[in-house]
Amino acid sequence: MDNYYKQAQKGAWISIVAYILLSTCKLIIAGMASSSALKADGLNNLTDIIASIAVLIGLKISQKPRDHDHPYGHSRAEHIASLIASFIMMVIGLQVLTDAGQSIFSRDIEAPNLLAAWVGLGAAIVMLGVYGYNVKLAKKLKSQSLHAVAKDNLSDALVSIGAVIGIIGSQFGLPWIDVVAAFIVGVIICKTAVDIFKEVTHSLTDGFDEEQLLHYKEAIAQITGVNEVNDVKARMLGNHVVLDVTVRVDPHLNVIKSHEIADEIEQMMNDEYRIKDTFVHVEPDVYEKRR
C-alpha cells in the first residue's frame, strides 16, 4: 500500500514540476509575443498546478488508516481531490472563454511573434511525455486520481498544439485566429473538467461498470459448490474495488464447507482481479433441497 501511494505521488509531483516550469515560460513569452492563445495555455497550466496539488493532498489523506467514523478507511479522498480539480479547471476554462470572447470583438488585434509558437510546440512535447508516464502509472496502480491527472496532461498537450496552430495561422494576415485558438483552448479546458466530474461523481455515487460485474459473476459461478450467484455488487473506494457477493449452495453442507466455498471465492477474486475486499454471503439453495 505504501508503495502504491509513493508511486502515485511521484506521478503527481512530475506533473507539478512540469506545470510550474511551463506556465512560467508561457506567461512570460505570451506577454512578450502578444499571444492570447499562449496566455490561455499558460493560465490552463496554472490550474493544473492547483489541481495536481489537490490530488497530492487527496493521496495523502487516503493513506490514513481506518478509524471509528471511517470503518472503510479514507480512500475516497482521492475522488474528492479529483472533484476539486474539475471545479478549478472549469473556473479557469470559463475565464479563458470570457477573455477570448472579449478579444474577438476587439479592433486592435495584432499577430503574435512566432517565438510563442516554438514555446507552445516545446510545451506540447513535454506534456505528451508526462502524459505517457502518468497514464501507464495510473493503469498499473488503478488510481482514479492519477488517471484524472494523466487525462489533464493529454488535454494540456492538445491545448498547446491548438495554440501553436492559432499562432502560426495568425501570421498569414489573420491575427484573429490566435484569439479563436484561445477560445478553443477554453472549450477544451471546460470539456476536460466536465469529463473528470462525470467520472468521479459516477464512482462517488457507487456507480460501477455493468460489464465488469458480469465478468465477476461468471467467474464466481465456476467455483465448485456454487449452485447459483444471486447477486454481485461492487463499488470503488479510491483505487480499490469492494465486492459484495451472494451465492446459493447445497443446503446440506455444514458451516465449515460453506465457509471454504466463500474463502475460495475471495481467493479467486484476489488472484484473478486483484480485489482484496470481497464479502461473501452464503445462502442455502432451497430449490436444491426440494429436489
Protein backbone atom coordinates (compact mmCIF):
# COMPACT_ATOMS: atom_id res chain seq x y z
CA MET A 1 0.00 0.00 0.00
CA ASP A 2 2.78 2.42 0.91
CA ASN A 3 4.49 1.66 -2.41
CA TYR A 4 1.24 2.45 -4.25
CA TYR A 5 0.98 5.91 -2.69
CA LYS A 6 4.68 6.64 -3.22
CA GLN A 7 4.42 5.86 -6.95
CA ALA A 8 1.14 7.79 -7.31
CA GLN A 9 2.63 10.82 -5.57
CA LYS A 10 5.67 10.62 -7.84
CA GLY A 11 3.40 10.94 -10.88
CA ALA A 12 1.63 13.95 -9.37
CA TRP A 13 4.94 15.63 -8.47
CA ILE A 14 6.28 15.17 -12.01
CA SER A 15 3.15 16.92 -13.31
CA ILE A 16 3.51 19.78 -10.83
CA VAL A 17 7.16 20.46 -11.69
CA ALA A 18 6.38 20.37 -15.42
CA TYR A 19 3.41 22.72 -14.99
CA ILE A 20 5.34 25.25 -12.90
CA LEU A 21 8.13 25.47 -15.48
CA LEU A 22 5.81 25.54 -18.50
CA SER A 23 3.27 28.01 -17.10
CA THR A 24 6.01 30.44 -16.08
CA CYS A 25 7.63 30.23 -19.50
CA LYS A 26 4.34 30.51 -21.40
CA LEU A 27 3.01 33.52 -19.50
CA ILE A 28 6.29 35.42 -19.83
CA ILE A 29 6.62 34.70 -23.55
CA ALA A 30 2.90 35.33 -24.14
CA GLY A 31 3.34 38.84 -22.75
CA MET A 32 6.44 39.46 -24.87
CA ALA A 33 4.90 37.96 -28.04
CA SER A 34 1.35 39.34 -27.53
CA SER A 35 -0.28 35.90 -27.92
CA SER A 36 -3.77 35.33 -26.49
CA ALA A 37 -3.57 31.60 -27.27
CA LEU A 38 -0.28 31.09 -25.41
CA LYS A 39 -1.55 33.18 -22.48
CA ALA A 40 -4.65 30.97 -22.27
CA ASP A 41 -2.41 27.92 -22.42
CA GLY A 42 -0.27 29.28 -19.58
CA LEU A 43 -3.35 30.01 -17.44
CA ASN A 44 -4.51 26.47 -18.11
CA ASN A 45 -1.23 25.17 -16.68
CA LEU A 46 -1.71 27.31 -13.57
CA THR A 47 -5.00 25.49 -12.91
CA ASP A 48 -3.16 22.21 -13.39
CA ILE A 49 -0.70 23.09 -10.62
CA ILE A 50 -3.59 23.64 -8.20
CA ALA A 51 -5.37 20.50 -9.40
CA SER A 52 -2.24 18.36 -9.03
CA ILE A 53 -1.68 19.72 -5.51
CA ALA A 54 -5.29 18.78 -4.70
CA VAL A 55 -4.58 15.25 -5.93
CA LEU A 56 -1.44 15.06 -3.76
CA ILE A 57 -3.45 16.11 -0.72
CA GLY A 58 -6.10 13.50 -1.60
CA LEU A 59 -3.46 10.78 -1.87
CA LYS A 60 -2.00 11.84 1.47
CA ILE A 61 -5.37 11.67 3.22
CA SER A 62 -6.09 8.30 1.57
CA GLN A 63 -3.14 6.79 3.44
CA LYS A 64 -4.77 7.36 6.83
CA PRO A 65 -5.83 4.08 8.46
CA ARG A 66 -9.41 3.20 9.39
CA ASP A 67 -10.85 4.88 12.46
CA HIS A 68 -14.11 4.84 14.45
CA ASP A 69 -16.02 7.03 11.98
CA HIS A 70 -14.28 5.81 8.80
CA PRO A 71 -14.62 2.00 9.00
CA TYR A 72 -13.79 1.66 5.28
CA GLY A 73 -10.75 3.92 5.52
CA HIS A 74 -10.14 7.25 3.78
CA SER A 75 -9.62 6.04 0.20
CA ARG A 76 -12.41 8.17 -1.23
CA ALA A 77 -10.32 11.25 -0.51
CA GLU A 78 -8.85 10.52 -3.97
CA HIS A 79 -12.30 11.02 -5.51
CA ILE A 80 -12.78 14.29 -3.63
CA ALA A 81 -9.39 15.52 -4.87
CA SER A 82 -10.34 14.76 -8.48
CA LEU A 83 -13.67 16.52 -7.96
CA ILE A 84 -11.93 19.65 -6.66
CA ALA A 85 -9.56 19.51 -9.64
CA SER A 86 -12.53 19.50 -12.05
CA PHE A 87 -14.07 22.56 -10.34
CA ILE A 88 -10.81 24.51 -10.56
CA MET A 89 -10.40 23.63 -14.24
CA MET A 90 -13.96 24.73 -15.02
CA VAL A 91 -13.50 28.13 -13.35
CA ILE A 92 -10.32 28.87 -15.32
CA GLY A 93 -11.83 27.47 -18.52
CA LEU A 94 -14.76 29.87 -18.25
CA GLN A 95 -12.34 32.75 -17.57
CA VAL A 96 -10.35 31.89 -20.69
CA LEU A 97 -13.58 31.76 -22.74
CA THR A 98 -14.63 35.16 -21.38
CA ASP A 99 -11.26 36.79 -22.17
CA ALA A 100 -11.15 35.25 -25.65
CA GLY A 101 -14.74 36.30 -26.33
CA GLN A 102 -13.94 39.91 -25.43
CA SER A 103 -10.77 39.89 -27.56
CA ILE A 104 -12.61 38.58 -30.62
CA PHE A 105 -14.65 41.79 -30.74
CA SER A 106 -11.60 43.98 -30.19
CA ARG A 107 -10.49 46.02 -33.21
CA ASP A 108 -6.79 46.24 -32.42
CA ILE A 109 -5.74 42.59 -32.66
CA GLU A 110 -2.07 42.06 -33.52
CA ALA A 111 -0.42 38.93 -34.88
CA PRO A 112 1.80 37.40 -32.15
CA ASN A 113 5.53 36.77 -32.54
CA LEU A 114 6.46 33.29 -33.84
CA LEU A 115 8.52 32.74 -30.68
CA ALA A 116 5.20 31.93 -28.98
CA ALA A 117 4.64 29.05 -31.44
CA TRP A 118 8.02 27.49 -30.64
CA VAL A 119 7.33 27.70 -26.92
CA GLY A 120 3.92 26.12 -27.40
CA LEU A 121 5.37 23.29 -29.50
CA GLY A 122 8.06 22.53 -26.93
CA ALA A 123 5.46 22.51 -24.16
CA ALA A 124 3.27 20.07 -26.11
CA ILE A 125 6.18 17.64 -26.49
CA VAL A 126 6.98 17.83 -22.77
CA MET A 127 3.35 17.25 -21.76
CA LEU A 128 2.98 14.28 -24.11
CA GLY A 129 5.95 12.72 -22.33
CA VAL A 130 4.44 13.41 -18.89
CA TYR A 131 1.08 12.03 -20.09
CA GLY A 132 2.71 8.81 -21.31
CA TYR A 133 4.37 8.29 -17.93
CA ASN A 134 1.29 9.04 -15.85
CA VAL A 135 -1.20 7.05 -17.92
CA LYS A 136 0.97 3.92 -17.59
CA LEU A 137 1.34 4.51 -13.86
CA ALA A 138 -2.42 5.10 -13.45
CA LYS A 139 -3.23 1.80 -15.22
CA LYS A 140 -0.65 -0.06 -13.16
CA LEU A 141 -1.91 1.34 -9.84
CA LYS A 142 -5.57 1.58 -10.90
CA SER A 143 -5.63 5.08 -9.42
CA GLN A 144 -8.59 7.25 -10.40
CA SER A 145 -7.00 10.47 -9.22
CA LEU A 146 -3.79 9.76 -11.15
CA HIS A 147 -5.89 8.85 -14.17
CA ALA A 148 -7.52 12.29 -13.89
CA VAL A 149 -4.05 13.87 -13.78
CA ALA A 150 -2.98 11.89 -16.89
CA LYS A 151 -6.15 12.93 -18.73
CA ASP A 152 -5.36 16.53 -17.86
CA ASN A 153 -1.79 16.06 -19.14
CA LEU A 154 -3.10 14.93 -22.54
CA SER A 155 -5.57 17.80 -22.61
CA ASP A 156 -2.70 20.22 -21.96
CA ALA A 157 -0.65 18.79 -24.81
CA LEU A 158 -3.61 19.19 -27.19
CA VAL A 159 -4.22 22.72 -25.91
CA SER A 160 -0.60 23.65 -26.65
CA ILE A 161 -0.84 22.18 -30.15
CA GLY A 162 -4.03 24.18 -30.73
CA ALA A 163 -2.29 27.33 -29.54
CA VAL A 164 0.61 26.69 -31.94
CA ILE A 165 -1.81 26.29 -34.87
CA GLY A 166 -3.55 29.54 -33.94
CA ILE A 167 -0.27 31.46 -33.61
CA ILE A 168 1.05 30.20 -36.94
CA GLY A 169 -2.28 30.86 -38.66
CA SER A 170 -2.25 34.45 -37.42
CA GLN A 171 0.96 35.09 -39.36
CA PHE A 172 -0.94 34.91 -42.66
CA GLY A 173 -2.77 38.20 -42.25
CA LEU A 174 -5.40 36.73 -39.93
CA PRO A 175 -4.41 37.83 -36.39
CA TRP A 176 -7.89 36.91 -35.06
CA ILE A 177 -7.02 33.21 -35.45
CA ASP A 178 -4.79 33.47 -32.36
CA VAL A 179 -7.81 34.68 -30.36
CA VAL A 180 -10.02 31.93 -31.80
CA ALA A 181 -7.37 29.40 -30.75
CA ALA A 182 -7.54 30.83 -27.23
CA PHE A 183 -11.32 30.37 -27.29
CA ILE A 184 -10.91 26.73 -28.38
CA VAL A 185 -8.41 26.25 -25.55
CA GLY A 186 -11.11 27.41 -23.13
CA VAL A 187 -13.60 24.94 -24.59
CA ILE A 188 -11.11 22.07 -24.20
CA ILE A 189 -10.42 23.03 -20.58
CA CYS A 190 -14.15 23.06 -19.78
CA LYS A 191 -14.77 19.75 -21.54
CA THR A 192 -11.93 18.07 -19.63
CA ALA A 193 -13.38 19.42 -16.37
CA VAL A 194 -16.83 18.01 -17.24
CA ASP A 195 -15.37 14.59 -18.18
CA ILE A 196 -13.47 14.32 -14.89
CA PHE A 197 -16.54 15.50 -12.94
CA LYS A 198 -18.79 12.87 -14.57
CA GLU A 199 -16.30 10.06 -13.97
CA VAL A 200 -15.70 10.97 -10.33
CA THR A 201 -19.36 11.52 -9.43
CA HIS A 202 -20.18 8.14 -11.00
CA SER A 203 -17.77 6.49 -8.56
CA LEU A 204 -18.86 8.60 -5.59
CA THR A 205 -22.48 7.53 -6.15
CA ASP A 206 -21.32 3.88 -6.20
CA GLY A 207 -21.66 3.53 -9.95
CA PHE A 208 -19.78 0.59 -11.47
CA ASP A 209 -19.17 -0.93 -14.89
CA GLU A 210 -22.00 -3.41 -15.57
CA GLU A 211 -19.90 -5.44 -18.00
CA GLN A 212 -17.18 -5.90 -15.38
CA LEU A 213 -19.80 -7.04 -12.85
CA LEU A 214 -20.95 -9.66 -15.36
CA HIS A 215 -17.36 -10.96 -15.66
CA TYR A 216 -17.15 -11.25 -11.88
CA LYS A 217 -20.46 -13.12 -11.76
CA GLU A 218 -19.44 -15.59 -14.45
CA ALA A 219 -16.11 -16.28 -12.72
CA ILE A 220 -17.78 -16.87 -9.34
CA ALA A 221 -20.33 -19.24 -10.93
CA GLN A 222 -17.44 -21.51 -11.97
CA ILE A 223 -16.40 -22.14 -8.34
CA THR A 224 -17.12 -25.72 -7.27
CA GLY A 225 -20.01 -25.81 -4.81
CA VAL A 226 -21.70 -22.63 -6.05
CA ASN A 227 -25.15 -23.56 -7.32
CA GLU A 228 -26.19 -20.04 -8.21
CA VAL A 229 -24.85 -16.49 -7.98
CA ASN A 230 -27.75 -14.48 -6.59
CA ASP A 231 -26.18 -11.05 -6.57
CA VAL A 232 -22.90 -9.26 -7.22
CA LYS A 233 -22.44 -5.62 -6.25
CA ALA A 234 -19.26 -3.55 -6.45
CA ARG A 235 -18.10 -0.03 -5.61
CA MET A 236 -14.87 1.92 -5.71
CA LEU A 237 -13.05 3.16 -2.62
CA GLY A 238 -10.22 5.19 -4.11
CA ASN A 239 -8.42 2.73 -6.37
CA HIS A 240 -9.80 -0.30 -4.51
CA VAL A 241 -12.79 -2.40 -5.57
CA VAL A 242 -15.09 -3.60 -2.79
CA LEU A 243 -17.23 -6.58 -3.82
CA ASP A 244 -20.40 -7.93 -2.17
CA VAL A 245 -21.44 -11.39 -3.34
CA THR A 246 -24.46 -13.56 -2.51
CA VAL A 247 -24.34 -17.21 -3.59
CA ARG A 248 -26.57 -20.25 -3.12
CA VAL A 249 -25.06 -23.59 -2.10
CA ASP A 250 -26.25 -27.08 -1.23
CA PRO A 251 -28.42 -26.70 1.92
CA HIS A 252 -26.98 -29.94 3.31
CA LEU A 253 -23.45 -28.51 3.56
CA ASN A 254 -22.13 -27.83 7.03
CA VAL A 255 -20.85 -24.42 8.12
CA ILE A 256 -17.21 -25.37 7.58
CA LYS A 257 -17.74 -26.44 3.95
CA SER A 258 -19.84 -23.35 3.20
CA HIS A 259 -17.09 -21.20 4.69
CA GLU A 260 -14.49 -22.94 2.50
CA ILE A 261 -16.51 -22.06 -0.62
CA ALA A 262 -16.65 -18.41 0.50
CA ASP A 263 -12.88 -18.45 1.10
CA GLU A 264 -12.30 -19.90 -2.38
CA ILE A 265 -14.37 -17.10 -3.95
CA GLU A 266 -12.41 -14.45 -2.04
CA GLN A 267 -9.08 -16.01 -3.04
CA MET A 268 -10.09 -16.28 -6.70
CA MET A 269 -11.17 -12.63 -6.87
CA ASN A 270 -7.86 -11.60 -5.31
CA ASP A 271 -5.76 -13.77 -7.64
CA GLU A 272 -7.57 -13.03 -10.91
CA TYR A 273 -8.88 -9.49 -10.39
CA ARG A 274 -6.67 -8.12 -7.56
CA ILE A 275 -9.77 -7.49 -5.43
CA LYS A 276 -8.74 -7.77 -1.80
CA ASP A 277 -12.10 -6.86 -0.25
CA THR A 278 -14.70 -9.46 -1.25
CA PHE A 279 -17.57 -10.10 1.17
CA VAL A 280 -19.43 -13.34 0.51
CA HIS A 281 -22.90 -14.14 1.86
CA VAL A 282 -23.82 -17.82 1.60
CA GLU A 283 -27.48 -18.89 1.40
CA PRO A 284 -29.00 -22.40 1.25
CA ASP A 285 -30.31 -23.35 -2.17
CA VAL A 286 -33.93 -24.12 -1.26
CA TYR A 287 -34.64 -25.37 -4.78
CA GLU A 288 -31.87 -27.92 -4.38
CA LYS A 289 -33.46 -29.09 -1.12
CA ARG A 290 -36.86 -29.57 -2.78
CA ARG A 291 -35.30 -31.70 -5.48
